[in-house]
């Protein structure tokens, strides 16, 4: 998957993906577990770093997960259905988005956000 297609991507909800890049460096989540991705959020802008070596499906699902979670966190007023989301909910939503919309692409990320209640650009 060409990660450059996501650079400077405007998303529904007024979000902007500045970059998506792959890294060989190990990533650890907030509670010390190995992570597949890390997203830096500044205001409404996201920088996503993905672990190398994932299958195309894992990469797609991880992008869906990271974008949806970042949108929920960065939103001043997230859709009510997302307020109680936890990690398992984001995982389930990401797998569902991959199944429904296909491999992650600029268009499919916006379809997923619209589905979850992020409407405006």
C-alpha atoms as a PDB file:
ATOM      1  CA  UNK A   1       0.000   0.000   0.000  1.00  0.00           C
ATOM      2  CA  UNK A   2       1.320   3.425  -0.930  1.00  0.00           C
ATOM      3  CA  UNK A   3       1.279   5.366   2.340  1.00  0.00           C
ATOM      4  CA  UNK A   4       1.967   8.656   0.540  1.00  0.00           C
ATOM      5  CA  UNK A   5      -1.674   8.738  -0.628  1.00  0.00           C
ATOM      6  CA  UNK A   6      -2.644   9.663   2.936  1.00  0.00           C
ATOM      7  CA  UNK A   7      -0.261  12.651   3.261  1.00  0.00           C
ATOM      8  CA  UNK A   8      -2.136  15.921   3.826  1.00  0.00           C
ATOM      9  CA  UNK A   9      -5.457  14.093   3.626  1.00  0.00           C
ATOM     10  CA  UNK A  10      -8.470  16.166   4.641  1.00  0.00           C
ATOM     11  CA  UNK A  11     -10.990  14.063   6.532  1.00  0.00           C
ATOM     12  CA  UNK A  12     -14.602  14.522   7.507  1.00  0.00           C
ATOM     13  CA  UNK A  13     -14.932  16.205  10.870  1.00  0.00           C
ATOM     14  CA  UNK A  14     -12.338  18.816   9.919  1.00  0.00           C
ATOM     15  CA  UNK A  15      -9.358  16.543  10.578  1.00  0.00           C
ATOM     16  CA  UNK A  16      -6.115  16.426   8.602  1.00  0.00           C
ATOM     17  CA  UNK A  17      -3.741  13.482   8.280  1.00  0.00           C
ATOM     18  CA  UNK A  18      -0.354  15.139   7.909  1.00  0.00           C
ATOM     19  CA  UNK A  19       1.490  11.896   7.219  1.00  0.00           C
ATOM     20  CA  UNK A  20       1.419   8.127   7.457  1.00  0.00           C
ATOM     21  CA  UNK A  21       4.786   6.443   7.612  1.00  0.00           C
ATOM     22  CA  UNK A  22       6.266   3.046   8.413  1.00  0.00           C
ATOM     23  CA  UNK A  23       8.887   2.526  11.089  1.00  0.00           C
ATOM     24  CA  UNK A  24      11.201  -0.283  12.075  1.00  0.00           C
ATOM     25  CA  UNK A  25      11.443   1.059  15.621  1.00  0.00           C
ATOM     26  CA  UNK A  26       9.439  -0.860  18.228  1.00  0.00           C
ATOM     27  CA  UNK A  27       6.386   0.968  19.534  1.00  0.00           C
ATOM     28  CA  UNK A  28       4.912   0.566  23.000  1.00  0.00           C
ATOM     29  CA  UNK A  29       1.397   1.585  24.048  1.00  0.00           C
ATOM     30  CA  UNK A  30       0.488   3.534  27.178  1.00  0.00           C
ATOM     31  CA  UNK A  31       0.422   0.412  29.367  1.00  0.00           C
ATOM     32  CA  UNK A  32       3.667  -1.086  28.084  1.00  0.00           C
ATOM     33  CA  UNK A  33       2.430  -3.491  25.409  1.00  0.00           C
ATOM     34  CA  UNK A  34       3.901  -3.769  21.928  1.00  0.00           C
ATOM     35  CA  UNK A  35       1.867  -1.664  19.514  1.00  0.00           C
ATOM     36  CA  UNK A  36       1.311  -1.799  15.753  1.00  0.00           C
ATOM     37  CA  UNK A  37       0.869   1.954  15.425  1.00  0.00           C
ATOM     38  CA  UNK A  38       1.266   5.309  17.095  1.00  0.00           C
ATOM     39  CA  UNK A  39      -0.686   8.444  16.274  1.00  0.00           C
ATOM     40  CA  UNK A  40       0.381  11.906  17.331  1.00  0.00           C
ATOM     41  CA  UNK A  41      -2.533  14.319  17.593  1.00  0.00           C
ATOM     42  CA  UNK A  42      -2.045  18.074  17.665  1.00  0.00           C
ATOM     43  CA  UNK A  43      -5.340  19.910  17.488  1.00  0.00           C
ATOM     44  CA  UNK A  44      -7.128  18.294  14.557  1.00  0.00           C
ATOM     45  CA  UNK A  45      -3.975  17.069  12.797  1.00  0.00           C
ATOM     46  CA  UNK A  46      -2.722  13.480  12.893  1.00  0.00           C
ATOM     47  CA  UNK A  47       0.675  11.941  12.211  1.00  0.00           C
ATOM     48  CA  UNK A  48       0.441   8.159  12.044  1.00  0.00           C
ATOM     49  CA  UNK A  49       3.379   5.785  12.368  1.00  0.00           C
ATOM     50  CA  UNK A  50       2.866   2.107  11.501  1.00  0.00           C
ATOM     51  CA  UNK A  51       5.046  -0.878  12.324  1.00  0.00           C
ATOM     52  CA  UNK A  52       6.635  -2.484   9.292  1.00  0.00           C
ATOM     53  CA  UNK A  53       5.924  -6.102   8.427  1.00  0.00           C
ATOM     54  CA  UNK A  54       2.124  -6.087   8.614  1.00  0.00           C
ATOM     55  CA  UNK A  55       0.044  -7.857   5.998  1.00  0.00           C
ATOM     56  CA  UNK A  56      -2.041  -5.637   3.713  1.00  0.00           C
ATOM     57  CA  UNK A  57      -5.159  -6.481   5.716  1.00  0.00           C
ATOM     58  CA  UNK A  58      -3.471  -5.686   9.051  1.00  0.00           C
ATOM     59  CA  UNK A  59      -2.193  -2.414   7.623  1.00  0.00           C
ATOM     60  CA  UNK A  60      -5.658  -1.471   6.396  1.00  0.00           C
ATOM     61  CA  UNK A  61      -7.391  -2.376   9.654  1.00  0.00           C
ATOM     62  CA  UNK A  62      -4.736  -0.524  11.643  1.00  0.00           C
ATOM     63  CA  UNK A  63      -5.222   2.634   9.562  1.00  0.00           C
ATOM     64  CA  UNK A  64      -8.998   2.480  10.068  1.00  0.00           C
ATOM     65  CA  UNK A  65      -8.463   1.992  13.810  1.00  0.00           C
ATOM     66  CA  UNK A  66      -5.952   4.830  14.182  1.00  0.00           C
ATOM     67  CA  UNK A  67      -8.000   7.343  12.187  1.00  0.00           C
ATOM     68  CA  UNK A  68     -11.257   6.548  13.998  1.00  0.00           C
ATOM     69  CA  UNK A  69      -9.644   6.642  17.432  1.00  0.00           C
ATOM     70  CA  UNK A  70      -7.771   9.868  16.656  1.00  0.00           C
ATOM     71  CA  UNK A  71     -10.976  11.499  15.367  1.00  0.00           C
ATOM     72  CA  UNK A  72     -12.850  10.503  18.523  1.00  0.00           C
ATOM     73  CA  UNK A  73     -10.069  11.838  20.761  1.00  0.00           C
ATOM     74  CA  UNK A  74      -9.464  15.060  18.811  1.00  0.00           C
ATOM     75  CA  UNK A  75     -13.135  15.930  18.412  1.00  0.00           C
ATOM     76  CA  UNK A  76     -14.538  18.656  20.639  1.00  0.00           C
ATOM     77  CA  UNK A  77     -17.944  17.006  20.361  1.00  0.00           C
ATOM     78  CA  UNK A  78     -17.585  13.369  19.236  1.00  0.00           C
ATOM     79  CA  UNK A  79     -20.650  11.528  17.962  1.00  0.00           C
ATOM     80  CA  UNK A  80     -22.615  10.202  20.919  1.00  0.00           C
ATOM     81  CA  UNK A  81     -22.212   6.606  19.725  1.00  0.00           C
ATOM     82  CA  UNK A  82     -18.429   6.940  20.126  1.00  0.00           C
ATOM     83  CA  UNK A  83     -18.278   8.411  23.621  1.00  0.00           C
ATOM     84  CA  UNK A  84     -18.085   5.020  25.319  1.00  0.00           C
ATOM     85  CA  UNK A  85     -15.757   3.365  22.747  1.00  0.00           C
ATOM     86  CA  UNK A  86     -12.809   1.409  24.145  1.00  0.00           C
ATOM     87  CA  UNK A  87      -9.890  -0.340  22.384  1.00  0.00           C
ATOM     88  CA  UNK A  88     -11.976  -3.411  21.579  1.00  0.00           C
ATOM     89  CA  UNK A  89     -14.700  -1.211  20.069  1.00  0.00           C
ATOM     90  CA  UNK A  90     -12.165   0.591  17.863  1.00  0.00           C
ATOM     91  CA  UNK A  91     -10.756  -2.787  16.763  1.00  0.00           C
ATOM     92  CA  UNK A  92     -14.218  -4.131  15.933  1.00  0.00           C
ATOM     93  CA  UNK A  93     -15.112  -0.942  14.046  1.00  0.00           C
ATOM     94  CA  UNK A  94     -11.849  -1.115  12.082  1.00  0.00           C
ATOM     95  CA  UNK A  95     -12.421  -4.729  11.028  1.00  0.00           C
ATOM     96  CA  UNK A  96     -16.028  -3.880  10.101  1.00  0.00           C
ATOM     97  CA  UNK A  97     -14.845  -0.893   8.031  1.00  0.00           C
ATOM     98  CA  UNK A  98     -12.321  -3.075   6.200  1.00  0.00           C
ATOM     99  CA  UNK A  99     -15.050  -5.620   5.446  1.00  0.00           C
ATOM    100  CA  UNK A 100     -17.591  -2.969   4.385  1.00  0.00           C
ATOM    101  CA  UNK A 101     -15.416  -0.416   2.553  1.00  0.00           C
ATOM    102  CA  UNK A 102     -12.433  -2.520   1.475  1.00  0.00           C
ATOM    103  CA  UNK A 103      -8.760  -1.732   1.967  1.00  0.00           C
ATOM    104  CA  UNK A 104      -8.083   1.635   3.576  1.00  0.00           C
ATOM    105  CA  UNK A 105      -7.911   4.493   1.084  1.00  0.00           C
ATOM    106  CA  UNK A 106      -8.540   8.223   1.341  1.00  0.00           C
ATOM    107  CA  UNK A 107     -12.161   7.722   0.224  1.00  0.00           C
ATOM    108  CA  UNK A 108     -12.819   4.712   2.455  1.00  0.00           C
ATOM    109  CA  UNK A 109     -11.479   6.464   5.564  1.00  0.00           C
ATOM    110  CA  UNK A 110     -14.028   9.225   4.963  1.00  0.00           C
ATOM    111  CA  UNK A 111     -16.801   6.659   4.374  1.00  0.00           C
ATOM    112  CA  UNK A 112     -15.952   5.109   7.746  1.00  0.00           C
ATOM    113  CA  UNK A 113     -15.963   8.491   9.499  1.00  0.00           C
ATOM    114  CA  UNK A 114     -19.331   9.368   7.930  1.00  0.00           C
ATOM    115  CA  UNK A 115     -20.727   5.997   9.048  1.00  0.00           C
ATOM    116  CA  UNK A 116     -19.688   6.802  12.635  1.00  0.00           C
ATOM    117  CA  UNK A 117     -21.227  10.277  12.603  1.00  0.00           C
ATOM    118  CA  UNK A 118     -18.442  12.593  11.457  1.00  0.00           C
ATOM    119  CA  UNK A 119     -20.206  14.549   8.712  1.00  0.00           C
ATOM    120  CA  UNK A 120     -18.616  17.857   7.879  1.00  0.00           C
ATOM    121  CA  UNK A 121     -15.327  18.469   6.102  1.00  0.00           C
END
